[in-house]
Protein backbone atom coordinates (compact mmCIF):
# COMPACT_ATOMS: atom_id res chain seq x y z
CA MET A 1 -7.40 7.27 18.61
CA SER A 2 -10.79 5.89 19.12
CA SER A 3 -11.65 2.79 20.90
CA SER A 4 -14.52 0.95 22.12
CA SER A 5 -13.30 0.87 25.87
CA GLN A 6 -15.73 1.33 28.70
CA GLU A 7 -15.14 3.50 31.76
CA ASN A 8 -15.45 1.05 34.50
CA ALA A 9 -14.70 -2.19 32.91
CA ALA A 10 -12.21 -4.02 30.76
CA THR A 11 -13.20 -4.23 27.02
CA GLU A 12 -13.07 -7.47 25.82
CA TYR A 13 -11.23 -8.84 22.35
CA ASP A 14 -10.59 -12.14 20.96
CA ILE A 15 -7.05 -10.77 19.79
CA ALA A 16 -5.00 -7.98 20.85
CA ILE A 17 -1.91 -7.18 18.68
CA ILE A 18 0.83 -5.29 20.44
CA GLY A 19 2.93 -3.23 18.26
CA GLY A 20 1.65 -1.55 15.00
CA ALA A 21 4.56 -1.20 12.66
CA MET A 22 4.80 -3.32 9.57
CA VAL A 23 4.32 -6.80 11.09
CA GLY A 24 1.69 -5.80 13.50
CA SER A 25 -0.25 -3.56 10.86
CA ILE A 26 -0.14 -6.16 8.06
CA LEU A 27 -1.34 -8.83 10.59
CA ALA A 28 -4.46 -6.81 11.70
CA LEU A 29 -5.39 -5.88 8.34
CA GLY A 30 -5.12 -9.44 7.27
CA LEU A 31 -7.43 -10.63 10.09
CA GLU A 32 -9.72 -7.87 8.83
CA GLN A 33 -9.91 -9.94 5.74
CA LEU A 34 -11.05 -13.10 7.73
CA LYS A 35 -13.68 -10.76 9.26
CA GLN A 36 -14.86 -10.01 5.82
CA GLN A 37 -14.97 -13.72 5.11
CA GLY A 38 -17.65 -14.26 7.79
CA SER A 39 -15.14 -14.39 11.01
CA ARG A 40 -16.44 -12.89 13.93
CA LEU A 41 -13.29 -12.02 15.63
CA ASN A 42 -12.91 -8.92 17.56
CA ILE A 43 -9.43 -7.27 17.37
CA ALA A 44 -7.61 -4.69 18.90
CA LEU A 45 -4.04 -3.19 18.01
CA ILE A 46 -2.04 -1.40 20.63
CA GLU A 47 0.75 0.88 19.19
CA ALA A 48 2.89 3.48 21.20
CA VAL A 49 3.70 6.19 18.39
CA ALA A 50 1.51 7.26 15.49
CA PRO A 51 3.34 6.68 12.00
CA SER A 52 5.53 9.87 11.56
CA ASP A 53 9.12 10.40 10.81
CA GLU A 54 9.81 9.76 14.57
CA HIS A 55 8.31 6.38 14.58
CA PRO A 56 10.89 3.76 15.12
CA GLY A 57 9.24 1.08 12.85
CA PHE A 58 8.50 3.64 10.14
CA ASP A 59 11.68 5.67 9.86
CA ALA A 60 13.94 6.74 6.90
CA ARG A 61 14.82 2.91 6.12
CA ALA A 62 13.90 1.01 2.97
CA ILE A 63 13.50 -2.64 3.09
CA ALA A 64 13.27 -5.34 0.41
CA LEU A 65 10.16 -7.17 0.03
CA ALA A 66 10.71 -10.75 -1.31
CA HIS A 67 8.80 -11.99 -4.45
CA HIS A 68 6.94 -14.31 -2.21
CA THR A 69 6.14 -11.75 0.49
CA ILE A 70 4.47 -9.77 -2.33
CA LYS A 71 2.46 -12.44 -3.62
CA SER A 72 1.16 -12.88 0.08
CA LEU A 73 0.24 -9.41 0.66
CA LYS A 74 -1.76 -9.53 -2.63
CA GLU A 75 -3.55 -12.58 -1.22
CA ILE A 76 -4.66 -10.62 1.70
CA ASN A 77 -5.43 -7.53 -0.09
CA VAL A 78 -2.64 -5.37 1.35
CA TRP A 79 -0.29 -4.98 -1.27
CA SER A 80 -2.77 -2.72 -3.48
CA LEU A 81 -2.23 -0.17 -0.59
CA ILE A 82 1.23 0.33 -0.83
CA GLU A 83 1.90 -0.86 -4.50
CA ASP A 84 2.65 2.55 -5.83
CA LEU A 85 5.64 3.03 -3.25
CA GLY A 86 7.43 -0.10 -4.56
CA THR A 87 10.52 -0.23 -6.86
CA GLU A 88 11.23 -3.48 -8.56
CA ILE A 89 14.39 -5.67 -7.95
CA ASN A 90 15.06 -7.08 -11.48
CA HIS A 91 18.77 -7.88 -11.09
CA ILE A 92 20.96 -8.76 -8.09
CA HIS A 93 24.62 -8.51 -8.46
CA ILE A 94 26.92 -10.39 -5.89
CA SER A 95 30.66 -9.60 -5.51
CA ASP A 96 33.70 -9.90 -3.26
CA ARG A 97 35.80 -6.76 -3.36
CA GLY A 98 39.16 -7.29 -4.64
CA ARG A 99 38.78 -10.98 -5.50
CA PHE A 100 37.34 -12.93 -8.49
CA GLY A 101 33.99 -13.85 -6.91
CA MET A 102 31.09 -12.50 -8.72
CA THR A 103 27.53 -13.62 -9.84
CA GLN A 104 24.46 -12.12 -11.05
CA LEU A 105 20.50 -13.27 -10.61
CA ASN A 106 18.07 -11.97 -13.02
CA ALA A 107 14.19 -11.90 -12.82
CA ALA A 108 13.77 -12.80 -16.71
CA GLU A 109 16.13 -15.72 -16.51
CA LEU A 110 13.91 -17.01 -13.59
CA ASN A 111 10.56 -16.49 -15.32
CA VAL A 112 9.25 -13.91 -12.81
CA ALA A 113 8.46 -10.28 -13.35
CA HIS A 114 10.73 -9.21 -10.45
CA MET A 115 12.45 -10.75 -7.44
CA GLY A 116 11.08 -8.38 -4.89
CA GLN A 117 10.48 -4.94 -4.41
CA VAL A 118 11.90 -1.89 -2.34
CA VAL A 119 9.54 0.09 -0.26
CA GLU A 120 10.43 2.97 2.19
CA LEU A 121 8.81 2.43 5.57
CA ALA A 122 7.93 5.97 6.56
CA PRO A 123 5.40 6.36 3.74
CA VAL A 124 4.59 2.52 3.90
CA GLY A 125 3.41 3.34 7.53
CA GLN A 126 1.36 6.33 6.70
CA LYS A 127 -0.79 4.26 4.23
CA LEU A 128 -1.20 1.45 6.78
CA TYR A 129 -2.14 3.53 9.43
CA LYS A 130 -4.89 5.31 7.28
CA ALA A 131 -6.34 1.58 6.36
CA LEU A 132 -6.38 0.65 10.04
CA GLN A 133 -8.35 3.70 10.74
CA GLN A 134 -10.92 2.69 8.16
CA SER A 135 -11.13 -0.87 9.36
CA SER A 136 -13.09 -2.40 12.17
CA VAL A 137 -9.91 -2.82 14.26
CA SER A 138 -9.99 -1.05 17.52
CA LEU A 139 -7.10 0.92 17.28
CA TYR A 140 -5.24 2.12 20.57
CA CYS A 141 -2.67 4.78 19.48
CA PRO A 142 -0.84 6.29 20.97
CA ASN A 143 -0.82 3.66 23.82
CA LYS A 144 1.59 1.47 25.67
CA VAL A 145 0.87 -1.65 27.68
CA ALA A 146 1.59 -0.61 31.18
CA GLU A 147 0.92 -4.14 32.76
CA LEU A 148 -0.02 -7.32 31.81
CA GLU A 149 -2.10 -9.88 33.98
CA THR A 150 -2.30 -13.40 32.89
CA THR A 151 -5.41 -15.80 33.85
CA ILE A 152 -6.57 -18.97 32.52
CA GLU A 153 -9.10 -17.75 30.28
CA HIS A 154 -7.46 -14.28 28.91
CA HIS A 155 -4.74 -11.79 29.46
CA LYS A 156 -5.83 -8.40 31.03
CA LEU A 157 -3.84 -5.45 29.51
CA THR A 158 -3.65 -2.24 31.36
CA LEU A 159 -2.86 0.67 29.00
CA ASP A 160 -0.62 3.71 30.13
CA SER A 161 -3.92 5.73 29.37
CA GLY A 162 -5.69 3.62 32.33
CA GLU A 163 -7.92 1.94 29.85
CA GLN A 164 -7.98 -1.86 30.41
CA ILE A 165 -8.79 -4.57 27.80
CA THR A 166 -8.86 -8.30 28.01
CA ALA A 167 -7.67 -10.66 25.02
CA LYS A 168 -7.96 -14.42 24.54
CA LEU A 169 -4.84 -14.35 22.40
CA VAL A 170 -2.14 -11.59 22.59
CA VAL A 171 0.40 -11.16 19.53
CA ALA A 172 3.25 -9.87 20.27
CA ALA A 173 4.75 -7.75 17.40
CA ASP A 174 6.71 -5.25 19.37
CA GLY A 175 9.85 -5.73 18.17
CA VAL A 176 13.35 -6.87 19.57
CA ASN A 177 12.84 -5.06 22.93
CA SER A 178 9.40 -6.58 23.26
CA ILE A 179 7.78 -5.35 26.26
CA ILE A 180 5.31 -8.47 26.25
CA ARG A 181 8.49 -10.71 26.23
CA GLN A 182 9.84 -8.82 29.24
CA GLN A 183 6.82 -8.89 31.23
CA LEU A 184 6.40 -12.65 30.79
CA LYS A 185 10.07 -12.93 31.59
CA LEU A 186 10.49 -15.15 28.62
CA GLU A 187 13.79 -16.32 27.15
CA GLN A 188 15.64 -14.88 24.45
CA GLN A 189 19.07 -15.52 23.06
CA VAL A 190 21.34 -13.18 21.37
CA VAL A 191 24.43 -13.53 19.18
CA ASP A 192 26.52 -10.37 18.91
CA PHE A 193 28.02 -10.06 15.54
CA ASN A 194 30.50 -7.22 16.63
CA GLN A 195 29.21 -5.42 14.04
CA ALA A 196 27.25 -2.26 13.47
CA ALA A 197 24.99 -1.27 10.36
CA ILE A 198 25.30 2.54 8.78
CA ILE A 199 22.24 2.93 6.74
CA ALA A 200 21.37 5.82 4.42
CA ASN A 201 19.58 6.74 1.12
CA ILE A 202 22.51 7.59 -1.66
CA ALA A 203 21.91 9.91 -4.60
CA CYS A 204 23.63 8.82 -7.74
CA GLU A 205 24.56 10.06 -11.01
CA GLN A 206 23.02 7.49 -13.07
CA GLU A 207 19.66 5.28 -13.05
CA HIS A 208 20.04 2.01 -11.20
CA HIS A 209 17.78 0.41 -13.76
CA ASN A 210 16.29 -1.85 -10.99
CA TRP A 211 19.62 -3.50 -10.08
CA ALA A 212 20.70 -4.48 -6.25
CA TRP A 213 24.17 -4.96 -5.28
CA GLU A 214 25.49 -6.96 -2.36
CA ARG A 215 29.19 -6.56 -2.13
CA PHE A 216 31.45 -8.13 0.40
CA THR A 217 34.37 -5.83 1.50
CA ASN A 218 37.25 -6.23 4.11
CA THR A 219 35.04 -4.04 6.55
CA GLY A 220 31.83 -5.97 6.23
CA PRO A 221 29.11 -6.62 3.55
CA LEU A 222 27.63 -3.80 1.88
CA ALA A 223 24.12 -3.82 0.18
CA LEU A 224 22.66 -1.16 -2.18
CA LEU A 225 18.85 -1.44 -2.94
CA PRO A 226 17.04 0.64 -5.87
CA MET A 227 14.70 3.19 -4.81
CA ARG A 228 12.36 5.46 -6.56
CA PRO A 229 13.79 9.07 -7.60
CA GLU A 230 13.16 11.95 -5.42
CA ASN A 231 13.46 15.82 -6.42
CA HIS A 232 14.86 14.49 -9.66
CA GLN A 233 17.56 12.54 -8.11
CA HIS A 234 18.48 8.80 -8.71
CA ARG A 235 18.78 7.16 -5.38
CA LEU A 236 19.82 4.06 -3.78
CA SER A 237 19.30 2.62 -0.17
CA LEU A 238 22.77 1.71 1.52
CA VAL A 239 23.15 -0.68 4.38
CA TRP A 240 26.69 -1.31 5.35
CA ALA A 241 28.01 -3.56 8.07
CA LEU A 242 31.05 -2.39 9.75
CA PRO A 243 33.15 -3.03 13.03
CA PRO A 244 31.24 -0.85 15.78
CA GLU A 245 34.23 1.47 16.16
CA THR A 246 34.59 2.11 12.47
CA ALA A 247 30.83 2.77 12.09
CA ASN A 248 30.95 5.11 14.98
CA ASP A 249 34.05 6.95 13.58
CA TRP A 250 32.37 7.21 9.82
CA MET A 251 28.92 8.31 11.28
CA GLU A 252 31.10 11.55 12.23
CA LEU A 253 32.58 12.20 8.65
CA SER A 254 31.36 14.89 6.57
CA LYS A 255 29.11 13.87 3.88
CA PRO A 256 31.61 14.38 1.28
CA ASP A 257 34.19 12.23 3.05
CA PHE A 258 31.63 9.54 4.05
CA VAL A 259 30.50 9.28 0.14
CA SER A 260 34.44 9.03 -0.80
CA LYS A 261 34.79 6.14 1.51
CA LEU A 262 31.72 4.44 0.16
CA GLN A 263 32.70 4.71 -3.48
CA GLN A 264 36.18 3.27 -2.42
CA ALA A 265 34.68 0.33 -0.99
CA PHE A 266 31.94 -0.20 -3.59
CA GLY A 267 33.56 0.92 -6.61
CA TYR A 268 31.85 2.30 -9.91
CA ARG A 269 29.56 -0.31 -10.74
CA ALA A 270 26.47 1.68 -9.86
CA GLY A 271 28.20 4.67 -11.15
CA GLN A 272 29.06 7.92 -9.25
CA PHE A 273 27.63 8.69 -5.63
CA ILE A 274 26.90 12.21 -5.20
CA ASP A 275 25.25 12.96 -1.89
CA LEU A 276 23.59 11.04 0.68
CA GLY A 277 20.78 11.57 3.12
CA GLU A 278 20.76 11.30 7.09
CA ARG A 279 22.63 8.41 8.32
CA PHE A 280 21.50 5.87 11.19
CA CYS A 281 23.63 3.37 12.77
CA TYR A 282 22.30 0.30 14.30
CA PRO A 283 24.09 -2.52 16.20
CA LEU A 284 23.86 -6.05 14.51
CA LYS A 285 22.93 -8.78 16.53
CA LEU A 286 20.86 -12.07 16.06
CA SER A 287 18.34 -12.24 18.72
CA TYR A 288 15.71 -14.97 18.86
CA MET A 289 13.16 -16.77 21.09
CA PRO A 290 13.80 -20.50 21.07
CA ARG A 291 10.08 -21.01 21.81
CA PRO A 292 7.95 -17.85 20.62
CA ILE A 293 5.08 -18.82 22.28
CA HIS A 294 3.52 -18.63 25.88
CA HIS A 295 0.18 -19.39 27.60
CA ARG A 296 -2.36 -17.42 25.13
CA CYS A 297 0.54 -15.68 23.54
CA VAL A 298 2.49 -15.66 20.30
CA PHE A 299 5.46 -13.83 19.08
CA VAL A 300 6.00 -12.46 15.36
CA GLY A 301 8.26 -10.59 13.57
CA ASN A 302 11.39 -8.99 15.37
CA ALA A 303 9.56 -9.88 18.79
CA ALA A 304 10.10 -13.50 17.83
CA GLN A 305 13.65 -12.77 16.03
CA THR A 306 15.74 -10.18 14.73
CA LEU A 307 18.24 -11.08 11.85
CA HIS A 308 21.50 -9.54 10.32
CA PRO A 309 20.33 -7.62 7.29
CA ILE A 310 22.96 -9.39 5.24
CA ALA A 311 20.44 -11.06 2.67
CA GLY A 312 17.37 -8.66 3.68
CA GLN A 313 15.28 -11.67 4.96
CA GLY A 314 14.11 -10.02 8.37
CA PHE A 315 10.76 -8.65 7.49
CA ASN A 316 10.32 -11.63 5.02
CA LEU A 317 10.38 -14.16 7.84
CA GLY A 318 7.97 -12.11 9.88
CA MET A 319 5.68 -12.24 6.97
CA ARG A 320 5.96 -16.04 7.05
CA ASP A 321 5.19 -15.49 10.60
CA ILE A 322 2.02 -13.65 9.86
CA LEU A 323 0.81 -16.06 7.27
CA ALA A 324 1.35 -19.17 9.78
CA LEU A 325 -0.56 -17.56 12.42
CA MET A 326 -3.45 -16.51 10.10
CA LYS A 327 -3.64 -19.99 8.79
CA VAL A 328 -4.05 -21.49 12.28
CA ILE A 329 -6.30 -18.73 13.45
CA SER A 330 -8.55 -19.09 10.28
CA GLU A 331 -8.67 -22.88 11.07
CA GLN A 332 -9.50 -22.32 14.80
CA GLN A 333 -11.91 -19.28 14.61
CA ASN A 334 -15.42 -20.90 15.05
CA ASP A 335 -14.09 -22.41 18.35
CA ALA A 336 -15.07 -20.74 21.41
CA ASP A 337 -11.51 -20.04 22.39
CA ILE A 338 -9.14 -18.59 20.04
CA GLY A 339 -6.13 -18.38 22.48
CA SER A 340 -6.22 -22.28 23.21
CA SER A 341 -3.17 -24.27 23.06
CA ALA A 342 -4.20 -25.58 19.71
CA VAL A 343 -3.60 -22.21 18.29
CA THR A 344 -0.09 -21.35 20.00
CA HIS A 345 1.02 -24.81 19.63
CA GLY A 346 -0.06 -25.01 15.96
CA TYR A 347 1.74 -21.75 15.20
CA LEU A 348 5.14 -23.09 16.97
CA LYS A 349 4.77 -26.26 14.75
CA LEU A 350 4.29 -24.38 11.41
CA ARG A 351 7.16 -22.11 12.40
CA GLU A 352 9.84 -24.24 14.03
CA GLN A 353 11.29 -25.60 10.47
CA ASP A 354 11.48 -22.24 8.63
CA ARG A 355 12.80 -20.22 11.62
CA SER A 356 15.47 -22.49 12.31
CA ASP A 357 16.74 -23.04 8.64
CA THR A 358 16.52 -19.15 8.04
CA ILE A 359 18.24 -18.42 11.14
CA ASN A 360 21.12 -20.91 10.75
CA ARG A 361 21.34 -19.68 7.01
CA ILE A 362 21.74 -15.97 8.00
CA GLU A 363 24.50 -16.89 10.62
CA PHE A 364 26.53 -18.77 8.17
CA LEU A 365 26.20 -16.06 5.62
CA VAL A 366 27.53 -13.48 8.37
CA ARG A 367 30.25 -15.70 9.38
CA GLY A 368 31.36 -16.52 5.90
CA PHE A 369 31.11 -13.36 4.29
CA SER A 370 32.32 -11.25 7.02
CA ASN A 371 35.42 -13.23 7.48
CA ASP A 372 38.77 -12.16 5.48
CA LEU A 373 40.72 -15.28 6.33
CA TRP A 374 41.95 -16.93 3.09
CA PRO A 375 40.42 -20.22 3.49
CA MET A 376 36.90 -18.68 3.76
CA ALA A 377 37.58 -16.04 1.27
CA THR A 378 38.93 -18.50 -1.30
CA THR A 379 35.74 -20.75 -0.56
CA ARG A 380 33.28 -18.04 -0.89
CA ASN A 381 34.73 -16.56 -4.13
CA LEU A 382 34.85 -20.28 -5.65
CA GLY A 383 31.16 -20.43 -4.68
CA LEU A 384 30.23 -17.42 -6.28
CA ARG A 385 32.07 -18.20 -9.41
CA LEU A 386 30.45 -21.45 -9.65
CA LEU A 387 27.23 -19.76 -9.76
CA SER A 388 28.38 -17.64 -12.71
CA TRP A 389 29.74 -20.85 -14.49
CA PHE A 390 26.92 -23.30 -13.98
CA PRO A 391 23.44 -21.35 -14.11
CA PRO A 392 21.60 -24.40 -13.08
CA LEU A 393 22.77 -23.94 -9.58
CA LYS A 394 21.13 -20.52 -9.36
CA PRO A 395 17.42 -21.28 -9.04
CA PRO A 396 17.66 -22.54 -5.52
CA ILE A 397 19.54 -19.78 -4.33
CA ALA A 398 17.29 -17.20 -6.03
CA LYS A 399 14.23 -18.99 -4.70
CA ALA A 400 15.41 -18.65 -1.04
CA ALA A 401 16.07 -14.90 -2.07
CA MET A 402 12.81 -14.29 -3.01
CA GLY A 403 11.23 -15.76 0.02
CA TYR A 404 10.19 -19.27 -0.81
CA THR A 405 11.11 -22.31 1.40
CA THR A 406 10.56 -25.96 1.55
CA ALA A 407 9.25 -25.82 5.38
């Protein structure tokens, strides 16, 4: 891709974003909005792979964008780029297989148009990439950071192409295996849930009518998200958490046998499953940086924390990282040094409570809803049933699901 690098000297930037998947791309486009409002920030985005079917950040997965995330994307003029790819979630059904625990959340009861929308990452990547190409962001793609040199005034980045750039602030948006974190030798804590997720798109006999389902089975939580029809087929996106050995075995099953296993575990609340697309399998671990900042460097999205998909909050937490960083940058953009400790520590302060609360909540859900021991199972079933019996208990749960926090 084009860049403004010079042959013998490092090109100077105020901000260099490393990683151009969802979080990095949206951050770059959000900062572009600041430029249109008078900011003079000079921004570079470095990404190893152009969006395609092989891009790890824009693969065949679908993700749920919470109501708050969509509201925020509208505010930074990014939602209009991908709005046509969204499928609304108007109802959420939560149940425990083989037990009495069950409840529903409905957008109409909460006085919102929807609780979120589901988008497929591959087409989203294409649209965000096109918008970046048309922006003033200097796009280095395909390029990797081969070396990072830290000085008092900036970071000097040597790319695998041999080009060199400097940045007063580096934003690491390069995922769970962040090269920036590794080069800076920063701490990352990992909790292994001893689960793996099988992810696939499911073809269904009947329409989903904008329902999403979360079902807790004796092998692990199973989520189905509504998707746009394709080739006249109704579709759902599957995320199924399983013991690793079970996931490995079931990845080898024929399509009909896997669909049969899925139907048996989920039941027929969504109708008959008739086919599935390519299956992917990912280990499920909670990884997080206790302090997602360093000298002239901040970490966002999966580079800062990677969550279990049980409640679909991973990207939505990353979106709140973006918003907090943009807020701090907006407040400091007239200062000569956009990479100062006022920016990095301001970001840290804004993110501490929300990150801690969300990480703890997700870990509690995983432990509680992946445990088939009768005391835990009885407690969660009573909790689900109480939500159905006493509707006033639902709004706080729904607000959290829609990405709204008190932090």
